[in-house]
Amino acid sequence: MALYSVEKDSPYDTYYHHSDTITAIAVGNEENFLVTGSKSGECIVWAISPDAVKLSVKYQLFDHKDKVT
């Protein structure tokens, strides 16, 4: 997954935590977390750093039985 800077028109940061194609992305109402789901059924909850646009893995779940959509 790559974060993209609209101001600079270039990739900002890249994360390689998913082992398959990301098929779903959702952002929390207060924009303090991000959830991604993949083709293999893996889900990752990311904490968004309030000081900078950086992500860190808070939870990683592998027990979804099908593609996350």
Protein backbone atom coordinates (compact mmCIF):
# COMPACT_ATOMS: atom_id res chain seq x y z
CA MET A 1 0.00 0.00 0.00
CA ALA A 2 1.34 3.43 -0.90
CA LEU A 3 0.40 6.79 0.56
CA TYR A 4 0.35 9.49 -2.06
CA SER A 5 1.06 13.21 -1.59
CA VAL A 6 -1.36 15.32 -3.61
CA GLU A 7 0.68 18.48 -2.93
CA LYS A 8 3.92 16.96 -4.24
CA ASP A 9 2.25 14.69 -6.81
CA SER A 10 4.36 11.73 -5.71
CA PRO A 11 4.31 8.68 -3.39
CA TYR A 12 4.76 9.67 0.27
CA ASP A 13 5.35 6.32 1.98
CA THR A 14 4.95 2.59 1.21
CA TYR A 15 3.82 -0.28 3.46
CA TYR A 16 4.33 -3.96 2.67
CA HIS A 17 2.25 -5.67 5.38
CA HIS A 18 -0.41 -7.34 3.19
CA SER A 19 0.50 -10.58 1.45
CA ASP A 20 -2.21 -10.17 -1.23
CA THR A 21 -4.07 -7.44 -3.14
CA ILE A 22 -5.89 -4.89 -0.97
CA THR A 23 -9.62 -4.99 -1.81
CA ALA A 24 -11.13 -2.70 0.86
CA ILE A 25 -10.09 0.47 2.71
CA ALA A 26 -12.01 2.39 5.40
CA VAL A 27 -11.08 5.37 7.56
CA GLY A 28 -12.47 5.96 11.07
CA ASN A 29 -14.80 8.94 11.71
CA GLU A 30 -12.13 10.80 13.69
CA GLU A 31 -9.44 9.83 11.14
CA ASN A 32 -7.24 8.22 13.80
CA PHE A 33 -7.31 4.75 12.28
CA LEU A 34 -7.48 3.04 8.90
CA VAL A 35 -8.69 -0.50 8.15
CA THR A 36 -7.56 -2.44 5.09
CA GLY A 37 -8.74 -5.84 3.87
CA SER A 38 -7.23 -8.11 1.24
CA LYS A 39 -8.13 -10.76 -1.30
CA SER A 40 -6.81 -13.48 1.03
CA GLY A 41 -9.15 -12.38 3.87
CA GLU A 42 -6.50 -10.63 5.93
CA CYS A 43 -7.55 -7.42 7.78
CA ILE A 44 -5.20 -4.84 9.24
CA VAL A 45 -6.16 -2.01 11.58
CA TRP A 46 -3.65 0.82 11.24
CA ALA A 47 -3.13 3.61 13.78
CA ILE A 48 -2.62 6.99 12.10
CA SER A 49 -0.02 9.14 13.82
CA PRO A 50 -1.50 12.56 14.71
CA ASP A 51 1.85 14.36 14.29
CA ALA A 52 2.71 13.10 10.82
CA VAL A 53 1.08 11.02 8.15
CA LYS A 54 2.55 7.71 9.32
CA LEU A 55 0.80 4.39 9.86
CA SER A 56 1.58 1.66 12.37
CA VAL A 57 -0.07 -1.76 12.62
CA LYS A 58 -2.39 -1.93 15.64
CA TYR A 59 -4.08 -5.29 14.86
CA GLN A 60 -3.59 -7.88 12.13
CA LEU A 61 -6.34 -10.48 11.63
CA PHE A 62 -6.05 -13.57 9.46
CA ASP A 63 -9.28 -15.48 10.15
CA HIS A 64 -11.68 -13.99 7.59
CA LYS A 65 -12.75 -16.86 5.30
CA ASP A 66 -13.07 -14.97 2.02
CA LYS A 67 -12.06 -11.77 0.21
CA VAL A 68 -12.74 -8.61 2.22
CA THR A 69 -14.97 -6.19 0.28
